[in-house]
Amino acid sequence: MAHLASTLDELDTKQREELGEQLRGEGVVIRTYDLWKTYIMGDQEIHAVSGVDIEIKRGEYVAIMGPSGSGKSTLMNLIGCLDTPTKGLYYLNGKLASEMEDDELARIRNKEIGFVFQTFNLLARATALHNVELPLIYAGISSQERLERARQALQAVDLEPRMQHKPNELSGGQRQRVAIARALVNRPSILLADEPTGALDSATGNEIMGLFERLHLEGNTIVLVTHEADVAMHAHRIIHIRDGKVERDEVTRPQARNSV
C-alpha cells in the first residue's frame, strides 16, 4: 500500500476501478491514499489535510479526534463528500469519490452516508416522522415505503411514540434521536457523526453515546468526529489528527462483534 501511495498518478482508470473492487471485497468502507486539502490564503498555502492515509472497515466504530485547527473537520468534510480533495484518492464503499462531479457526490451522500450533526438540523414545522422521511423523498422512494422505513428508523432509536411531534415538542436528546433516525433511514454504508453530544447535557449525551453503541452492535459502521476524549473513548478505535496529519491510530478496545 505504501508503494501504491507513491504511484497514484500512474494508475489508469481501469486500475483505479479494480482497486475499488478489491477494497469493497475486503470489507473496506473508507480508504484514503495520500489525501490533501490545500487552501490558498493570499500568497500562502494552508494545508488543512496533509497526506492522510486511513482505512475503516465495515462494522467498525471509529472516532476521529483532534483539537481545534487540527484538520479533523476538513477531513470529515472530505469523508462525507461535502468537499473534494486537492489531491489523493478517496474510496467510499469501493467508489472513487475523490474524482466525482457535484451531481455524483450529491447522490453518493444521500445513498452511502448518514449524517448526524451537533445542531440536529431538523425542519421546525415538520413532525419527527416527516423529518426522518426527507432523505427518502430525495432518493425517489414511494410514499408508502417512505413512511414504513421512517417508522422503522424511529423505532430503532426508541422514538416511535413521538413520531407525530414537532421538534419544539421534543427534548434535546429526543431531537438528536430524530436526527439519528434520519441518518439511518437510507441504510447508509456509514453513520458520520460530527460532535453529536455537543449541544446536550452530560446525562443526555451519555444516553446518545449508548444509542450509538447499540447501533454499532446491530451492524452499523460509525465514524465519530470529536475533540472530547471522553466521547472518543466510546469508539473502539481512535484516529488522532494534528496539523492535518494522522498523529496516531489506536485501538481502545477489541471489536465487540465481527465486521459483516
C-alpha atoms as a PDB file:
ATOM      1  CA  MET A   1       0.000   0.000   0.000  1.00  0.00           C
ATOM      2  CA  ALA A   2       2.880   2.390   0.732  1.00  0.00           C
ATOM      3  CA  HIS A   3       4.230   1.788  -2.777  1.00  0.00           C
ATOM      4  CA  LEU A   4       0.738   2.376  -4.197  1.00  0.00           C
ATOM      5  CA  ALA A   5       0.509   5.736  -2.418  1.00  0.00           C
ATOM      6  CA  SER A   6       3.690   6.874  -4.196  1.00  0.00           C
ATOM      7  CA  THR A   7       2.426   5.846  -7.646  1.00  0.00           C
ATOM      8  CA  LEU A   8      -1.187   7.068  -7.531  1.00  0.00           C
ATOM      9  CA  ASP A   9      -0.785   9.262 -10.592  1.00  0.00           C
ATOM     10  CA  GLU A  10       0.337   6.224 -12.603  1.00  0.00           C
ATOM     11  CA  LEU A  11      -2.903   4.277 -12.060  1.00  0.00           C
ATOM     12  CA  ASP A  12      -5.165   4.320 -15.102  1.00  0.00           C
ATOM     13  CA  THR A  13      -8.978   4.320 -14.921  1.00  0.00           C
ATOM     14  CA  LYS A  14      -9.247   0.526 -15.081  1.00  0.00           C
ATOM     15  CA  GLN A  15      -6.660   0.057 -12.320  1.00  0.00           C
ATOM     16  CA  ARG A  16      -8.466   2.543 -10.082  1.00  0.00           C
ATOM     17  CA  GLU A  17     -11.747   0.697 -10.617  1.00  0.00           C
ATOM     18  CA  GLU A  18     -10.053  -2.623  -9.857  1.00  0.00           C
ATOM     19  CA  LEU A  19      -8.611  -1.159  -6.647  1.00  0.00           C
ATOM     20  CA  GLY A  20     -12.121  -0.079  -5.634  1.00  0.00           C
ATOM     21  CA  GLU A  21     -13.474  -3.570  -6.244  1.00  0.00           C
ATOM     22  CA  GLN A  22     -10.617  -5.054  -4.223  1.00  0.00           C
ATOM     23  CA  LEU A  23     -11.319  -2.723  -1.292  1.00  0.00           C
ATOM     24  CA  ARG A  24     -15.027  -3.500  -1.344  1.00  0.00           C
ATOM     25  CA  GLY A  25     -14.275  -7.224  -1.434  1.00  0.00           C
ATOM     26  CA  GLU A  26     -12.078  -6.798   1.649  1.00  0.00           C
ATOM     27  CA  GLY A  27     -14.895  -5.014   3.519  1.00  0.00           C
ATOM     28  CA  VAL A  28     -13.189  -1.616   3.426  1.00  0.00           C
ATOM     29  CA  VAL A  29     -15.777   1.187   3.531  1.00  0.00           C
ATOM     30  CA  ILE A  30     -13.417   4.168   3.774  1.00  0.00           C
ATOM     31  CA  ARG A  31      -9.917   4.284   2.293  1.00  0.00           C
ATOM     32  CA  THR A  32      -7.849   7.389   1.625  1.00  0.00           C
ATOM     33  CA  TYR A  33      -4.487   7.451  -0.110  1.00  0.00           C
ATOM     34  CA  ASP A  34      -2.221  10.491   0.306  1.00  0.00           C
ATOM     35  CA  LEU A  35      -5.261  12.761   0.791  1.00  0.00           C
ATOM     36  CA  TRP A  36      -4.617  16.518   0.780  1.00  0.00           C
ATOM     37  CA  LYS A  37      -6.772  19.628   1.125  1.00  0.00           C
ATOM     38  CA  THR A  38      -4.949  22.888   0.493  1.00  0.00           C
ATOM     39  CA  TYR A  39      -6.379  26.398   0.717  1.00  0.00           C
ATOM     40  CA  ILE A  40      -4.801  29.475  -0.850  1.00  0.00           C
ATOM     41  CA  MET A  41      -4.784  32.446   1.543  1.00  0.00           C
ATOM     42  CA  GLY A  42      -3.182  35.386  -0.247  1.00  0.00           C
ATOM     43  CA  ASP A  43       0.326  34.243  -1.095  1.00  0.00           C
ATOM     44  CA  GLN A  44       0.210  31.372   1.408  1.00  0.00           C
ATOM     45  CA  GLU A  45      -0.815  27.735   1.049  1.00  0.00           C
ATOM     46  CA  ILE A  46      -2.640  26.303   4.067  1.00  0.00           C
ATOM     47  CA  HIS A  47      -2.536  22.501   4.183  1.00  0.00           C
ATOM     48  CA  ALA A  48      -5.611  21.634   6.256  1.00  0.00           C
ATOM     49  CA  VAL A  49      -5.192  17.933   5.458  1.00  0.00           C
ATOM     50  CA  SER A  50      -1.685  16.754   4.594  1.00  0.00           C
ATOM     51  CA  GLY A  51      -1.223  13.333   3.046  1.00  0.00           C
ATOM     52  CA  VAL A  52      -3.701  11.366   5.159  1.00  0.00           C
ATOM     53  CA  ASP A  53      -3.944   7.585   4.739  1.00  0.00           C
ATOM     54  CA  ILE A  54      -6.744   5.929   6.700  1.00  0.00           C
ATOM     55  CA  GLU A  55      -8.717   2.704   6.354  1.00  0.00           C
ATOM     56  CA  ILE A  56     -12.024   1.899   8.032  1.00  0.00           C
ATOM     57  CA  LYS A  57     -13.727  -1.463   7.542  1.00  0.00           C
ATOM     58  CA  ARG A  58     -17.402  -2.353   7.570  1.00  0.00           C
ATOM     59  CA  GLY A  59     -18.707  -2.772  11.110  1.00  0.00           C
ATOM     60  CA  GLU A  60     -16.038  -0.632  12.790  1.00  0.00           C
ATOM     61  CA  TYR A  61     -16.728   2.126  15.323  1.00  0.00           C
ATOM     62  CA  VAL A  62     -14.036   4.763  14.880  1.00  0.00           C
ATOM     63  CA  ALA A  63     -13.512   8.208  16.388  1.00  0.00           C
ATOM     64  CA  ILE A  64     -11.543  10.906  14.571  1.00  0.00           C
ATOM     65  CA  MET A  65     -10.209  13.137  17.306  1.00  0.00           C
ATOM     66  CA  GLY A  66      -8.171  16.306  17.407  1.00  0.00           C
ATOM     67  CA  PRO A  67      -8.073  19.817  18.873  1.00  0.00           C
ATOM     68  CA  SER A  68      -9.488  22.891  17.154  1.00  0.00           C
ATOM     69  CA  GLY A  69      -7.485  23.599  13.998  1.00  0.00           C
ATOM     70  CA  SER A  70      -6.137  20.066  13.720  1.00  0.00           C
ATOM     71  CA  GLY A  71      -7.828  19.384  10.381  1.00  0.00           C
ATOM     72  CA  LYS A  72     -10.378  16.877  11.679  1.00  0.00           C
ATOM     73  CA  SER A  73     -13.358  18.911  10.436  1.00  0.00           C
ATOM     74  CA  THR A  74     -11.795  19.263   6.983  1.00  0.00           C
ATOM     75  CA  LEU A  75     -11.136  15.513   6.947  1.00  0.00           C
ATOM     76  CA  MET A  76     -14.748  14.893   7.994  1.00  0.00           C
ATOM     77  CA  ASN A  77     -15.968  17.056   5.101  1.00  0.00           C
ATOM     78  CA  LEU A  78     -13.815  15.040   2.690  1.00  0.00           C
ATOM     79  CA  ILE A  79     -15.001  11.693   4.097  1.00  0.00           C
ATOM     80  CA  GLY A  80     -18.604  12.939   3.998  1.00  0.00           C
ATOM     81  CA  CYS A  81     -18.239  14.048   0.351  1.00  0.00           C
ATOM     82  CA  LEU A  82     -19.114  17.604   1.408  1.00  0.00           C
ATOM     83  CA  ASP A  83     -15.804  18.758  -0.092  1.00  0.00           C
ATOM     84  CA  THR A  84     -13.294  17.445  -2.618  1.00  0.00           C
ATOM     85  CA  PRO A  85      -9.575  16.870  -2.014  1.00  0.00           C
ATOM     86  CA  THR A  86      -6.837  18.902  -3.648  1.00  0.00           C
ATOM     87  CA  LYS A  87      -5.042  15.648  -4.431  1.00  0.00           C
ATOM     88  CA  GLY A  88      -5.039  11.992  -3.439  1.00  0.00           C
ATOM     89  CA  LEU A  89      -7.641   9.246  -3.701  1.00  0.00           C
ATOM     90  CA  TYR A  90     -10.699   8.607  -1.561  1.00  0.00           C
ATOM     91  CA  TYR A  91     -12.716   5.407  -1.930  1.00  0.00           C
ATOM     92  CA  LEU A  92     -16.134   5.173  -0.276  1.00  0.00           C
ATOM     93  CA  ASN A  93     -17.533   1.635  -0.341  1.00  0.00           C
ATOM     94  CA  GLY A  94     -15.417   0.870  -3.399  1.00  0.00           C
ATOM     95  CA  LYS A  95     -16.416   4.011  -5.314  1.00  0.00           C
ATOM     96  CA  LEU A  96     -13.763   6.611  -6.151  1.00  0.00           C
ATOM     97  CA  ALA A  97     -15.457   9.627  -4.563  1.00  0.00           C
ATOM     98  CA  SER A  98     -12.422  11.903  -4.954  1.00  0.00           C
ATOM     99  CA  GLU A  99     -12.959  12.074  -8.731  1.00  0.00           C
ATOM    100  CA  MET A 100     -16.727  12.559  -8.758  1.00  0.00           C
ATOM    101  CA  GLU A 101     -18.564  15.631 -10.036  1.00  0.00           C
ATOM    102  CA  ASP A 102     -21.008  17.546  -7.827  1.00  0.00           C
ATOM    103  CA  ASP A 103     -24.103  15.641  -9.001  1.00  0.00           C
ATOM    104  CA  GLU A 104     -22.439  12.284  -8.340  1.00  0.00           C
ATOM    105  CA  LEU A 105     -21.265  13.463  -4.932  1.00  0.00           C
ATOM    106  CA  ALA A 106     -24.815  14.522  -4.023  1.00  0.00           C
ATOM    107  CA  ARG A 107     -26.103  11.045  -4.968  1.00  0.00           C
ATOM    108  CA  ILE A 108     -23.413   9.228  -3.019  1.00  0.00           C
ATOM    109  CA  ARG A 109     -24.005  11.434   0.048  1.00  0.00           C
ATOM    110  CA  ASN A 110     -27.681  10.547   0.000  1.00  0.00           C
ATOM    111  CA  LYS A 111     -27.120   6.830  -0.549  1.00  0.00           C
ATOM    112  CA  GLU A 112     -23.926   5.977   1.329  1.00  0.00           C
ATOM    113  CA  ILE A 113     -23.674   8.407   4.258  1.00  0.00           C
ATOM    114  CA  GLY A 114     -25.978   9.096   7.184  1.00  0.00           C
ATOM    115  CA  PHE A 115     -25.072  12.447   8.755  1.00  0.00           C
ATOM    116  CA  VAL A 116     -25.619  13.341  12.406  1.00  0.00           C
ATOM    117  CA  PHE A 117     -24.783  16.939  13.319  1.00  0.00           C
ATOM    118  CA  GLN A 118     -24.339  18.737  16.625  1.00  0.00           C
ATOM    119  CA  THR A 119     -27.214  21.136  15.875  1.00  0.00           C
ATOM    120  CA  PHE A 120     -29.731  18.443  14.734  1.00  0.00           C
ATOM    121  CA  ASN A 121     -30.715  20.362  11.530  1.00  0.00           C
ATOM    122  CA  LEU A 122     -34.414  19.453  11.767  1.00  0.00           C
ATOM    123  CA  LEU A 123     -37.270  21.215   9.994  1.00  0.00           C
ATOM    124  CA  ALA A 124     -39.102  23.143  12.725  1.00  0.00           C
ATOM    125  CA  ARG A 125     -42.599  22.805  11.240  1.00  0.00           C
ATOM    126  CA  ALA A 126     -42.329  19.135  10.303  1.00  0.00           C
ATOM    127  CA  THR A 127     -43.110  16.158  12.521  1.00  0.00           C
ATOM    128  CA  ALA A 128     -40.406  13.728  13.583  1.00  0.00           C
ATOM    129  CA  LEU A 129     -41.780  11.263  11.021  1.00  0.00           C
ATOM    130  CA  HIS A 130     -41.572  13.778   8.170  1.00  0.00           C
ATOM    131  CA  ASN A 131     -38.064  14.888   9.177  1.00  0.00           C
ATOM    132  CA  VAL A 132     -36.898  11.269   9.033  1.00  0.00           C
ATOM    133  CA  GLU A 133     -38.691  10.705   5.740  1.00  0.00           C
ATOM    134  CA  LEU A 134     -36.923  13.566   3.914  1.00  0.00           C
ATOM    135  CA  PRO A 135     -33.834  11.705   2.587  1.00  0.00           C
ATOM    136  CA  LEU A 136     -36.144   9.106   1.046  1.00  0.00           C
ATOM    137  CA  ILE A 137     -38.059  11.809  -0.818  1.00  0.00           C
ATOM    138  CA  TYR A 138     -34.778  12.976  -2.390  1.00  0.00           C
ATOM    139  CA  ALA A 139     -33.996   9.334  -3.227  1.00  0.00           C
ATOM    140  CA  GLY A 140     -37.300   8.963  -5.111  1.00  0.00           C
ATOM    141  CA  ILE A 141     -38.790   6.297  -2.800  1.00  0.00           C
ATOM    142  CA  SER A 142     -42.579   5.777  -2.954  1.00  0.00           C
ATOM    143  CA  SER A 143     -44.762   7.364  -0.265  1.00  0.00           C
ATOM    144  CA  GLN A 144     -45.857   4.100   1.344  1.00  0.00           C
ATOM    145  CA  GLU A 145     -42.310   2.726   1.574  1.00  0.00           C
ATOM    146  CA  ARG A 146     -41.032   6.090   2.878  1.00  0.00           C
ATOM    147  CA  LEU A 147     -43.479   6.088   5.773  1.00  0.00           C
ATOM    148  CA  GLU A 148     -42.745   2.476   6.698  1.00  0.00           C
ATOM    149  CA  ARG A 149     -38.977   2.958   6.635  1.00  0.00           C
ATOM    150  CA  ALA A 150     -39.238   6.225   8.583  1.00  0.00           C
ATOM    151  CA  ARG A 151     -41.317   4.465  11.266  1.00  0.00           C
ATOM    152  CA  GLN A 152     -38.763   1.650  11.450  1.00  0.00           C
ATOM    153  CA  ALA A 153     -35.914   4.143  11.838  1.00  0.00           C
ATOM    154  CA  LEU A 154     -37.720   5.955  14.665  1.00  0.00           C
ATOM    155  CA  GLN A 155     -38.432   2.600  16.280  1.00  0.00           C
ATOM    156  CA  ALA A 156     -34.698   1.804  16.102  1.00  0.00           C
ATOM    157  CA  VAL A 157     -33.948   4.879  18.229  1.00  0.00           C
ATOM    158  CA  ASP A 158     -36.850   4.266  20.664  1.00  0.00           C
ATOM    159  CA  LEU A 159     -38.861   7.251  19.446  1.00  0.00           C
ATOM    160  CA  GLU A 160     -41.811   5.735  17.595  1.00  0.00           C
ATOM    161  CA  PRO A 161     -44.335   7.003  20.218  1.00  0.00           C
ATOM    162  CA  ARG A 162     -43.218  10.593  19.494  1.00  0.00           C
ATOM    163  CA  MET A 163     -43.206  10.388  15.702  1.00  0.00           C
ATOM    164  CA  GLN A 164     -46.056  12.899  15.246  1.00  0.00           C
ATOM    165  CA  HIS A 165     -44.388  15.516  17.460  1.00  0.00           C
ATOM    166  CA  LYS A 166     -42.549  18.539  16.061  1.00  0.00           C
ATOM    167  CA  PRO A 167     -39.019  19.463  17.193  1.00  0.00           C
ATOM    168  CA  ASN A 168     -40.216  22.152  19.648  1.00  0.00           C
ATOM    169  CA  GLU A 169     -42.266  19.444  21.396  1.00  0.00           C
ATOM    170  CA  LEU A 170     -39.192  17.248  21.918  1.00  0.00           C
ATOM    171  CA  SER A 171     -36.250  17.406  24.323  1.00  0.00           C
ATOM    172  CA  GLY A 172     -32.714  17.918  23.047  1.00  0.00           C
ATOM    173  CA  GLY A 173     -31.969  14.218  23.364  1.00  0.00           C
ATOM    174  CA  GLN A 174     -35.158  13.299  21.517  1.00  0.00           C
ATOM    175  CA  ARG A 175     -34.308  15.744  18.720  1.00  0.00           C
ATOM    176  CA  GLN A 176     -30.898  14.129  18.345  1.00  0.00           C
ATOM    177  CA  ARG A 177     -32.606  10.720  18.188  1.00  0.00           C
ATOM    178  CA  VAL A 178     -34.762  12.032  15.332  1.00  0.00           C
ATOM    179  CA  ALA A 179     -31.590  13.199  13.591  1.00  0.00           C
ATOM    180  CA  ILE A 180     -30.017   9.752  14.078  1.00  0.00           C
ATOM    181  CA  ALA A 181     -33.158   8.058  12.726  1.00  0.00           C
ATOM    182  CA  ARG A 182     -32.981  10.352   9.680  1.00  0.00           C
ATOM    183  CA  ALA A 183     -29.341   9.326   9.209  1.00  0.00           C
ATOM    184  CA  LEU A 184     -30.297   5.632   9.384  1.00  0.00           C
ATOM    185  CA  VAL A 185     -33.323   5.694   7.099  1.00  0.00           C
ATOM    186  CA  ASN A 186     -31.412   5.312   3.816  1.00  0.00           C
ATOM    187  CA  ARG A 187     -29.499   2.312   5.225  1.00  0.00           C
ATOM    188  CA  PRO A 188     -26.160   4.015   4.558  1.00  0.00           C
ATOM    189  CA  SER A 189     -22.689   2.474   4.437  1.00  0.00           C
ATOM    190  CA  ILE A 190     -21.562   4.707   7.309  1.00  0.00           C
ATOM    191  CA  LEU A 191     -23.035   6.876  10.045  1.00  0.00           C
ATOM    192  CA  LEU A 192     -20.921  10.047  10.196  1.00  0.00           C
ATOM    193  CA  ALA A 193     -21.487  11.917  13.469  1.00  0.00           C
ATOM    194  CA  ASP A 194     -19.986  15.387  13.998  1.00  0.00           C
ATOM    195  CA  GLU A 195     -19.813  16.293  17.720  1.00  0.00           C
ATOM    196  CA  PRO A 196     -23.218  14.591  18.264  1.00  0.00           C
ATOM    197  CA  THR A 197     -23.336  15.380  22.003  1.00  0.00           C
ATOM    198  CA  GLY A 198     -22.052  18.955  21.753  1.00  0.00           C
ATOM    199  CA  ALA A 199     -25.473  20.564  22.266  1.00  0.00           C
ATOM    200  CA  LEU A 200     -26.573  18.174  25.019  1.00  0.00           C
ATOM    201  CA  ASP A 201     -26.078  17.998  28.783  1.00  0.00           C
ATOM    202  CA  SER A 202     -23.764  15.243  30.002  1.00  0.00           C
ATOM    203  CA  ALA A 203     -26.503  12.816  31.077  1.00  0.00           C
ATOM    204  CA  THR A 204     -28.345  13.108  27.746  1.00  0.00           C
ATOM    205  CA  GLY A 205     -25.031  12.925  25.914  1.00  0.00           C
ATOM    206  CA  ASN A 206     -24.283   9.628  27.628  1.00  0.00           C
ATOM    207  CA  GLU A 207     -27.679   8.289  26.531  1.00  0.00           C
ATOM    208  CA  ILE A 208     -26.925   9.235  22.915  1.00  0.00           C
ATOM    209  CA  MET A 209     -23.498   7.585  23.084  1.00  0.00           C
ATOM    210  CA  GLY A 210     -25.193   4.477  24.475  1.00  0.00           C
ATOM    211  CA  LEU A 211     -27.510   4.541  21.458  1.00  0.00           C
ATOM    212  CA  PHE A 212     -24.529   4.724  19.087  1.00  0.00           C
ATOM    213  CA  GLU A 213     -23.009   1.717  20.846  1.00  0.00           C
ATOM    214  CA  ARG A 214     -26.232  -0.236  20.344  1.00  0.00           C
ATOM    215  CA  LEU A 215     -26.440   0.777  16.683  1.00  0.00           C
ATOM    216  CA  HIS A 216     -22.862  -0.406  16.223  1.00  0.00           C
ATOM    217  CA  LEU A 217     -23.676  -3.756  17.806  1.00  0.00           C
ATOM    218  CA  GLU A 218     -26.563  -4.048  15.327  1.00  0.00           C
ATOM    219  CA  GLY A 219     -24.085  -3.825  12.453  1.00  0.00           C
ATOM    220  CA  ASN A 220     -23.723  -0.147  11.624  1.00  0.00           C
ATOM    221  CA  THR A 221     -20.348   1.364  10.711  1.00  0.00           C
ATOM    222  CA  ILE A 222     -19.890   4.534  12.767  1.00  0.00           C
ATOM    223  CA  VAL A 223     -17.369   7.352  12.321  1.00  0.00           C
ATOM    224  CA  LEU A 224     -17.464   9.858  15.168  1.00  0.00           C
ATOM    225  CA  VAL A 225     -15.719  13.242  14.891  1.00  0.00           C
ATOM    226  CA  THR A 226     -14.966  14.936  18.208  1.00  0.00           C
ATOM    227  CA  HIS A 227     -12.468  16.987  20.210  1.00  0.00           C
ATOM    228  CA  GLU A 228     -13.546  15.415  23.510  1.00  0.00           C
ATOM    229  CA  ALA A 229     -11.532  12.467  24.825  1.00  0.00           C
ATOM    230  CA  ASP A 230     -14.381  11.044  26.910  1.00  0.00           C
ATOM    231  CA  VAL A 231     -16.658  10.970  23.844  1.00  0.00           C
ATOM    232  CA  ALA A 232     -13.946   9.435  21.651  1.00  0.00           C
ATOM    233  CA  MET A 233     -13.395   6.660  24.184  1.00  0.00           C
ATOM    234  CA  HIS A 234     -16.839   5.247  23.371  1.00  0.00           C
ATOM    235  CA  ALA A 235     -15.398   4.192  19.990  1.00  0.00           C
ATOM    236  CA  HIS A 236     -13.350   1.036  19.576  1.00  0.00           C
ATOM    237  CA  ARG A 237     -10.578   2.832  17.699  1.00  0.00           C
ATOM    238  CA  ILE A 238      -9.347   6.442  17.721  1.00  0.00           C
ATOM    239  CA  ILE A 239      -7.548   8.179  14.852  1.00  0.00           C
ATOM    240  CA  HIS A 240      -5.742  11.197  16.323  1.00  0.00           C
ATOM    241  CA  ILE A 241      -5.343  14.140  13.934  1.00  0.00           C
ATOM    242  CA  ARG A 242      -2.871  17.003  14.459  1.00  0.00           C
ATOM    243  CA  ASP A 243      -1.633  19.618  11.998  1.00  0.00           C
ATOM    244  CA  GLY A 244      -3.533  17.937   9.187  1.00  0.00           C
ATOM    245  CA  LYS A 245      -1.827  14.582   9.645  1.00  0.00           C
ATOM    246  CA  VAL A 246      -2.578  11.301  11.395  1.00  0.00           C
ATOM    247  CA  GLU A 247      -0.620  11.567  14.635  1.00  0.00           C
ATOM    248  CA  ARG A 248      -1.500   8.042  15.749  1.00  0.00           C
ATOM    249  CA  ASP A 249      -4.140   5.371  15.258  1.00  0.00           C
ATOM    250  CA  GLU A 250      -5.008   3.355  18.356  1.00  0.00           C
ATOM    251  CA  VAL A 251      -7.368   0.527  19.216  1.00  0.00           C
ATOM    252  CA  THR A 252      -9.077   1.386  22.513  1.00  0.00           C
ATOM    253  CA  ARG A 253     -10.823  -1.962  22.932  1.00  0.00           C
ATOM    254  CA  PRO A 254     -11.429  -5.027  20.782  1.00  0.00           C
ATOM    255  CA  GLN A 255     -14.393  -5.057  18.452  1.00  0.00           C
ATOM    256  CA  ALA A 256     -17.470  -6.425  20.247  1.00  0.00           C
ATOM    257  CA  ARG A 257     -18.566  -8.067  17.012  1.00  0.00           C
ATOM    258  CA  ASN A 258     -17.126  -9.208  13.720  1.00  0.00           C
ATOM    259  CA  SER A 259     -17.446  -6.990  10.668  1.00  0.00           C
ATOM    260  CA  VAL A 260     -20.305  -8.074   8.452  1.00  0.00           C
END
